[in-house]
PDB file of all heavy atoms in Angstrom:
ATOM      1  N   TYR A   1     -12.925  91.915  50.223  1.00  0.00           N
ATOM      2  CA  TYR A   1     -11.548  92.271  49.904  1.00  0.00           C
ATOM      3  C   TYR A   1     -10.546  91.634  50.872  1.00  0.00           C
ATOM      4  O   TYR A   1      -9.339  91.778  50.699  1.00  0.00           O
ATOM      5  CB  TYR A   1     -11.367  93.792  49.940  1.00  0.00           C
ATOM      6  CG  TYR A   1     -11.654  94.388  51.299  1.00  0.00           C
ATOM      7  CD1 TYR A   1     -10.643  94.562  52.220  1.00  0.00           C
ATOM      8  CD2 TYR A   1     -12.956  94.740  51.660  1.00  0.00           C
ATOM      9  CE1 TYR A   1     -10.909  95.081  53.481  1.00  0.00           C
ATOM     10  CE2 TYR A   1     -13.218  95.249  52.912  1.00  0.00           C
ATOM     11  CZ  TYR A   1     -12.199  95.426  53.816  1.00  0.00           C
ATOM     12  OH  TYR A   1     -12.457  95.927  55.061  1.00  0.00           O
ATOM     13  N   LYS A   2     -11.029  90.933  51.863  1.00  0.00           N
ATOM     14  CA  LYS A   2     -10.146  90.421  52.923  1.00  0.00           C
ATOM     15  C   LYS A   2      -9.085  89.452  52.398  1.00  0.00           C
ATOM     16  O   LYS A   2      -7.959  89.441  52.883  1.00  0.00           O
ATOM     17  CB  LYS A   2     -10.961  89.776  54.035  1.00  0.00           C
ATOM     18  CG  LYS A   2     -11.755  90.782  54.839  1.00  0.00           C
ATOM     19  CD  LYS A   2     -12.527  90.137  55.958  1.00  0.00           C
ATOM     20  CE  LYS A   2     -13.307  91.199  56.719  1.00  0.00           C
ATOM     21  NZ  LYS A   2     -14.055  90.625  57.832  1.00  0.00           N
ATOM     22  N   ALA A   3      -9.418  88.642  51.426  1.00  0.00           N
ATOM     23  CA  ALA A   3      -8.441  87.686  50.879  1.00  0.00           C
ATOM     24  C   ALA A   3      -7.263  88.428  50.240  1.00  0.00           C
ATOM     25  O   ALA A   3      -6.099  88.057  50.446  1.00  0.00           O
ATOM     26  CB  ALA A   3      -9.100  86.776  49.858  1.00  0.00           C
ATOM     27  N   GLU A   4      -7.570  89.485  49.493  1.00  0.00           N
ATOM     28  CA  GLU A   4      -6.513  90.264  48.851  1.00  0.00           C
ATOM     29  C   GLU A   4      -5.634  90.958  49.893  1.00  0.00           C
ATOM     30  O   GLU A   4      -4.410  91.014  49.754  1.00  0.00           O
ATOM     31  CB  GLU A   4      -7.109  91.305  47.889  1.00  0.00           C
ATOM     32  CG  GLU A   4      -7.655  90.725  46.603  1.00  0.00           C
ATOM     33  CD  GLU A   4      -9.079  90.188  46.737  1.00  0.00           C
ATOM     34  OE1 GLU A   4      -9.669  90.270  47.831  1.00  0.00           O
ATOM     35  OE2 GLU A   4      -9.590  89.674  45.726  1.00  0.00           O
ATOM     36  N   VAL A   5      -6.250  91.478  50.940  1.00  0.00           N
ATOM     37  CA  VAL A   5      -5.489  92.153  51.992  1.00  0.00           C
ATOM     38  C   VAL A   5      -4.602  91.158  52.742  1.00  0.00           C
ATOM     39  O   VAL A   5      -3.456  91.471  53.093  1.00  0.00           O
ATOM     40  CB  VAL A   5      -6.440  92.907  52.959  1.00  0.00           C
ATOM     41  CG1 VAL A   5      -5.684  93.454  54.157  1.00  0.00           C
ATOM     42  CG2 VAL A   5      -7.158  94.028  52.225  1.00  0.00           C
ATOM     43  N   THR A   6      -5.114  89.955  52.948  1.00  0.00           N
ATOM     44  CA  THR A   6      -4.314  88.918  53.607  1.00  0.00           C
ATOM     45  C   THR A   6      -3.092  88.571  52.765  1.00  0.00           C
ATOM     46  O   THR A   6      -1.979  88.463  53.293  1.00  0.00           O
ATOM     47  CB  THR A   6      -5.167  87.656  53.850  1.00  0.00           C
ATOM     48  OG1 THR A   6      -6.291  88.001  54.648  1.00  0.00           O
ATOM     49  CG2 THR A   6      -4.369  86.580  54.544  1.00  0.00           C
ATOM     50  N   VAL A   7      -3.278  88.425  51.465  1.00  0.00           N
ATOM     51  CA  VAL A   7      -2.153  88.134  50.563  1.00  0.00           C
ATOM     52  C   VAL A   7      -1.153  89.289  50.601  1.00  0.00           C
ATOM     53  O   VAL A   7       0.061  89.070  50.678  1.00  0.00           O
ATOM     54  CB  VAL A   7      -2.655  87.886  49.123  1.00  0.00           C
ATOM     55  CG1 VAL A   7      -1.494  87.827  48.144  1.00  0.00           C
ATOM     56  CG2 VAL A   7      -3.474  86.619  49.054  1.00  0.00           C
ATOM     57  N   LEU A   8      -1.649  90.507  50.577  1.00  0.00           N
ATOM     58  CA  LEU A   8      -0.778  91.688  50.626  1.00  0.00           C
ATOM     59  C   LEU A   8       0.032  91.713  51.922  1.00  0.00           C
ATOM     60  O   LEU A   8       1.245  91.960  51.903  1.00  0.00           O
ATOM     61  CB  LEU A   8      -1.612  92.965  50.492  1.00  0.00           C
ATOM     62  CG  LEU A   8      -0.830  94.278  50.539  1.00  0.00           C
ATOM     63  CD1 LEU A   8       0.162  94.365  49.393  1.00  0.00           C
ATOM     64  CD2 LEU A   8      -1.788  95.458  50.526  1.00  0.00           C
ATOM     65  N   ASN A   9      -0.619  91.439  53.032  1.00  0.00           N
ATOM     66  CA  ASN A   9       0.089  91.422  54.319  1.00  0.00           C
ATOM     67  C   ASN A   9       1.157  90.323  54.358  1.00  0.00           C
ATOM     68  O   ASN A   9       2.248  90.540  54.891  1.00  0.00           O
ATOM     69  CB  ASN A   9      -0.891  91.254  55.480  1.00  0.00           C
ATOM     70  CG  ASN A   9      -1.687  92.507  55.740  1.00  0.00           C
ATOM     71  OD1 ASN A   9      -1.253  93.608  55.424  1.00  0.00           O
ATOM     72  ND2 ASN A   9      -2.872  92.354  56.314  1.00  0.00           N
ATOM     73  N   ASP A  10       0.844  89.163  53.790  1.00  0.00           N
ATOM     74  CA  ASP A  10       1.827  88.076  53.730  1.00  0.00           C
ATOM     75  C   ASP A  10       3.038  88.475  52.887  1.00  0.00           C
ATOM     76  O   ASP A  10       4.187  88.214  53.269  1.00  0.00           O
ATOM     77  CB  ASP A  10       1.203  86.800  53.166  1.00  0.00           C
ATOM     78  CG  ASP A  10       0.204  86.158  54.125  1.00  0.00           C
ATOM     79  OD1 ASP A  10       0.229  86.493  55.334  1.00  0.00           O
ATOM     80  OD2 ASP A  10      -0.595  85.328  53.657  1.00  0.00           O
ATOM     81  N   LEU A  11       2.777  89.117  51.763  1.00  0.00           N
ATOM     82  CA  LEU A  11       3.866  89.577  50.910  1.00  0.00           C
ATOM     83  C   LEU A  11       4.738  90.601  51.629  1.00  0.00           C
ATOM     84  O   LEU A  11       5.971  90.570  51.528  1.00  0.00           O
ATOM     85  CB  LEU A  11       3.319  90.183  49.614  1.00  0.00           C
ATOM     86  CG  LEU A  11       2.744  89.204  48.603  1.00  0.00           C
ATOM     87  CD1 LEU A  11       2.037  89.953  47.480  1.00  0.00           C
ATOM     88  CD2 LEU A  11       3.831  88.304  48.042  1.00  0.00           C
ATOM     89  N   LYS A  12       4.101  91.504  52.364  1.00  0.00           N
ATOM     90  CA  LYS A  12       4.861  92.517  53.093  1.00  0.00           C
ATOM     91  C   LYS A  12       5.688  91.885  54.216  1.00  0.00           C
ATOM     92  O   LYS A  12       6.813  92.320  54.479  1.00  0.00           O
ATOM     93  CB  LYS A  12       3.926  93.594  53.650  1.00  0.00           C
ATOM     94  CG  LYS A  12       3.397  94.514  52.563  1.00  0.00           C
ATOM     95  CD  LYS A  12       2.570  95.641  53.136  1.00  0.00           C
ATOM     96  CE  LYS A  12       2.153  96.613  52.046  1.00  0.00           C
ATOM     97  NZ  LYS A  12       1.435  97.766  52.597  1.00  0.00           N
ATOM     98  N   ARG A  13       5.146  90.860  54.859  1.00  0.00           N
ATOM     99  CA  ARG A  13       5.913  90.144  55.887  1.00  0.00           C
ATOM    100  C   ARG A  13       7.131  89.458  55.273  1.00  0.00           C
ATOM    101  O   ARG A  13       8.238  89.503  55.821  1.00  0.00           O
ATOM    102  CB  ARG A  13       5.024  89.115  56.591  1.00  0.00           C
ATOM    103  CG  ARG A  13       4.744  89.484  58.033  1.00  0.00           C
ATOM    104  CD  ARG A  13       3.936  88.430  58.759  1.00  0.00           C
ATOM    105  NE  ARG A  13       2.587  88.960  58.953  1.00  0.00           N
ATOM    106  CZ  ARG A  13       1.491  88.536  58.334  1.00  0.00           C
ATOM    107  NH1 ARG A  13       1.527  87.535  57.509  1.00  0.00           N
ATOM    108  NH2 ARG A  13       0.329  89.095  58.552  1.00  0.00           N
ATOM    109  N   LYS A  14       6.923  88.818  54.123  1.00  0.00           N
ATOM    110  CA  LYS A  14       8.033  88.159  53.433  1.00  0.00           C
ATOM    111  C   LYS A  14       9.096  89.181  53.042  1.00  0.00           C
ATOM    112  O   LYS A  14      10.295  88.923  53.174  1.00  0.00           O
ATOM    113  CB  LYS A  14       7.539  87.436  52.178  1.00  0.00           C
ATOM    114  CG  LYS A  14       6.797  86.162  52.455  1.00  0.00           C
ATOM    115  CD  LYS A  14       6.348  85.517  51.152  1.00  0.00           C
ATOM    116  CE  LYS A  14       5.447  84.336  51.396  1.00  0.00           C
ATOM    117  NZ  LYS A  14       4.932  83.738  50.154  1.00  0.00           N
ATOM    118  N   ARG A  15       8.653  90.339  52.558  1.00  0.00           N
ATOM    119  CA  ARG A  15       9.599  91.387  52.173  1.00  0.00           C
ATOM    120  C   ARG A  15      10.410  91.845  53.375  1.00  0.00           C
ATOM    121  O   ARG A  15      11.626  92.026  53.283  1.00  0.00           O
ATOM    122  CB  ARG A  15       8.866  92.572  51.537  1.00  0.00           C
ATOM    123  CG  ARG A  15       9.804  93.696  51.111  1.00  0.00           C
ATOM    124  CD  ARG A  15       9.090  94.829  50.445  1.00  0.00           C
ATOM    125  NE  ARG A  15       8.186  95.482  51.376  1.00  0.00           N
ATOM    126  CZ  ARG A  15       7.381  96.482  51.056  1.00  0.00           C
ATOM    127  NH1 ARG A  15       7.352  96.940  49.821  1.00  0.00           N
ATOM    128  NH2 ARG A  15       6.598  97.029  51.951  1.00  0.00           N
ATOM    129  N   LYS A  16       9.754  91.997  54.509  1.00  0.00           N
ATOM    130  CA  LYS A  16      10.458  92.396  55.726  1.00  0.00           C
ATOM    131  C   LYS A  16      11.503  91.353  56.116  1.00  0.00           C
ATOM    132  O   LYS A  16      12.641  91.692  56.463  1.00  0.00           O
ATOM    133  CB  LYS A  16       9.459  92.595  56.876  1.00  0.00           C
ATOM    134  CG  LYS A  16      10.097  93.013  58.170  1.00  0.00           C
ATOM    135  CD  LYS A  16       9.072  93.118  59.280  1.00  0.00           C
ATOM    136  CE  LYS A  16       9.783  93.384  60.603  1.00  0.00           C
ATOM    137  NZ  LYS A  16       8.942  93.139  61.748  1.00  0.00           N
ATOM    138  N   ASP A  17      11.126  90.071  56.037  1.00  0.00           N
ATOM    139  CA  ASP A  17      12.068  88.992  56.359  1.00  0.00           C
ATOM    140  C   ASP A  17      13.265  88.998  55.417  1.00  0.00           C
ATOM    141  O   ASP A  17      14.407  88.833  55.848  1.00  0.00           O
ATOM    142  CB  ASP A  17      11.380  87.633  56.305  1.00  0.00           C
ATOM    143  CG  ASP A  17      10.351  87.444  57.420  1.00  0.00           C
ATOM    144  OD1 ASP A  17      10.405  88.200  58.412  1.00  0.00           O
ATOM    145  OD2 ASP A  17       9.502  86.542  57.286  1.00  0.00           O
ATOM    146  N   VAL A  18      13.001  89.202  54.132  1.00  0.00           N
ATOM    147  CA  VAL A  18      14.086  89.217  53.148  1.00  0.00           C
ATOM    148  C   VAL A  18      15.009  90.418  53.399  1.00  0.00           C
ATOM    149  O   VAL A  18      16.231  90.294  53.309  1.00  0.00           O
ATOM    150  CB  VAL A  18      13.533  89.224  51.708  1.00  0.00           C
ATOM    151  CG1 VAL A  18      14.628  89.496  50.693  1.00  0.00           C
ATOM    152  CG2 VAL A  18      12.852  87.899  51.404  1.00  0.00           C
ATOM    153  N   LYS A  19      14.422  91.560  53.743  1.00  0.00           N
ATOM    154  CA  LYS A  19      15.251  92.735  54.054  1.00  0.00           C
ATOM    155  C   LYS A  19      16.142  92.475  55.261  1.00  0.00           C
ATOM    156  O   LYS A  19      17.309  92.864  55.273  1.00  0.00           O
ATOM    157  CB  LYS A  19      14.369  93.960  54.325  1.00  0.00           C
ATOM    158  CG  LYS A  19      13.820  94.609  53.083  1.00  0.00           C
ATOM    159  CD  LYS A  19      13.017  95.849  53.449  1.00  0.00           C
ATOM    160  CE  LYS A  19      12.507  96.579  52.236  1.00  0.00           C
ATOM    161  NZ  LYS A  19      11.745  97.792  52.607  1.00  0.00           N
ATOM    162  N   GLU A  20      15.598  91.805  56.269  1.00  0.00           N
ATOM    163  CA  GLU A  20      16.395  91.476  57.453  1.00  0.00           C
ATOM    164  C   GLU A  20      17.517  90.506  57.094  1.00  0.00           C
ATOM    165  O   GLU A  20      18.651  90.662  57.554  1.00  0.00           O
ATOM    166  CB  GLU A  20      15.508  90.881  58.545  1.00  0.00           C
ATOM    167  CG  GLU A  20      14.595  91.890  59.196  1.00  0.00           C
ATOM    168  CD  GLU A  20      13.606  91.276  60.173  1.00  0.00           C
ATOM    169  OE1 GLU A  20      13.567  90.031  60.306  1.00  0.00           O
ATOM    170  OE2 GLU A  20      12.863  92.049  60.802  1.00  0.00           O
ATOM    171  N   GLN A  21      17.218  89.515  56.272  1.00  0.00           N
ATOM    172  CA  GLN A  21      18.244  88.564  55.840  1.00  0.00           C
ATOM    173  C   GLN A  21      19.329  89.267  55.026  1.00  0.00           C
ATOM    174  O   GLN A  21      20.520  89.007  55.201  1.00  0.00           O
ATOM    175  CB  GLN A  21      17.625  87.446  55.005  1.00  0.00           C
ATOM    176  CG  GLN A  21      16.744  86.510  55.779  1.00  0.00           C
ATOM    177  CD  GLN A  21      16.027  85.518  54.884  1.00  0.00           C
ATOM    178  OE1 GLN A  21      16.200  85.498  53.669  1.00  0.00           O
ATOM    179  NE2 GLN A  21      15.207  84.677  55.491  1.00  0.00           N
ATOM    180  N   LEU A  22      18.904  90.182  54.168  1.00  0.00           N
ATOM    181  CA  LEU A  22      19.839  90.943  53.352  1.00  0.00           C
ATOM    182  C   LEU A  22      20.768  91.773  54.231  1.00  0.00           C
ATOM    183  O   LEU A  22      21.979  91.806  54.008  1.00  0.00           O
ATOM    184  CB  LEU A  22      19.057  91.828  52.379  1.00  0.00           C
ATOM    185  CG  LEU A  22      19.748  92.420  51.194  1.00  0.00           C
ATOM    186  CD1 LEU A  22      20.354  91.342  50.308  1.00  0.00           C
ATOM    187  CD2 LEU A  22      18.786  93.262  50.377  1.00  0.00           C
ATOM    188  N   LEU A  23      20.205  92.416  55.213  1.00  0.00           N
ATOM    189  CA  LEU A  23      20.996  93.220  56.142  1.00  0.00           C
ATOM    190  C   LEU A  23      21.988  92.341  56.918  1.00  0.00           C
ATOM    191  O   LEU A  23      23.150  92.706  57.087  1.00  0.00           O
ATOM    192  CB  LEU A  23      20.080  93.966  57.127  1.00  0.00           C
ATOM    193  CG  LEU A  23      20.768  94.870  58.132  1.00  0.00           C
ATOM    194  CD1 LEU A  23      21.514  95.995  57.427  1.00  0.00           C
ATOM    195  CD2 LEU A  23      19.739  95.453  59.087  1.00  0.00           C
ATOM    196  N   LEU A  24      21.532  91.182  57.326  1.00  0.00           N
ATOM    197  CA  LEU A  24      22.401  90.256  58.071  1.00  0.00           C
ATOM    198  C   LEU A  24      23.580  89.797  57.191  1.00  0.00           C
ATOM    199  O   LEU A  24      24.723  89.780  57.646  1.00  0.00           O
ATOM    200  CB  LEU A  24      21.595  89.047  58.552  1.00  0.00           C
ATOM    201  CG  LEU A  24      22.373  87.979  59.300  1.00  0.00           C
ATOM    202  CD1 LEU A  24      22.904  88.536  60.611  1.00  0.00           C
ATOM    203  CD2 LEU A  24      21.487  86.775  59.563  1.00  0.00           C
ATOM    204  N   VAL A  25      23.297  89.464  55.948  1.00  0.00           N
ATOM    205  CA  VAL A  25      24.357  89.011  55.049  1.00  0.00           C
ATOM    206  C   VAL A  25      25.328  90.151  54.752  1.00  0.00           C
ATOM    207  O   VAL A  25      26.546  89.942  54.749  1.00  0.00           O
ATOM    208  CB  VAL A  25      23.767  88.425  53.739  1.00  0.00           C
ATOM    209  CG1 VAL A  25      24.855  88.135  52.718  1.00  0.00           C
ATOM    210  CG2 VAL A  25      22.976  87.170  54.036  1.00  0.00           C
ATOM    211  N   LYS A  26      24.818  91.360  54.529  1.00  0.00           N
ATOM    212  CA  LYS A  26      25.694  92.504  54.289  1.00  0.00           C
ATOM    213  C   LYS A  26      26.581  92.784  55.503  1.00  0.00           C
ATOM    214  O   LYS A  26      27.771  93.056  55.347  1.00  0.00           O
ATOM    215  CB  LYS A  26      24.880  93.747  53.938  1.00  0.00           C
ATOM    216  CG  LYS A  26      24.324  93.727  52.546  1.00  0.00           C
ATOM    217  CD  LYS A  26      23.545  94.977  52.245  1.00  0.00           C
ATOM    218  CE  LYS A  26      22.989  94.965  50.829  1.00  0.00           C
ATOM    219  NZ  LYS A  26      22.222  96.176  50.509  1.00  0.00           N
ATOM    220  N   THR A  27      26.004  92.685  56.674  1.00  0.00           N
ATOM    221  CA  THR A  27      26.778  92.902  57.903  1.00  0.00           C
ATOM    222  C   THR A  27      27.850  91.827  58.060  1.00  0.00           C
ATOM    223  O   THR A  27      28.987  92.130  58.418  1.00  0.00           O
ATOM    224  CB  THR A  27      25.841  92.885  59.130  1.00  0.00           C
ATOM    225  OG1 THR A  27      24.817  93.874  58.948  1.00  0.00           O
ATOM    226  CG2 THR A  27      26.604  93.178  60.414  1.00  0.00           C
TER     227      THR A  27
END
């Protein structure tokens, strides 16, 4: 299952980055 978990972690990292960018633009 490690490949799926790695993909999931990458997606969550991307989501975190996008949330930070969104917050920066809103600010």
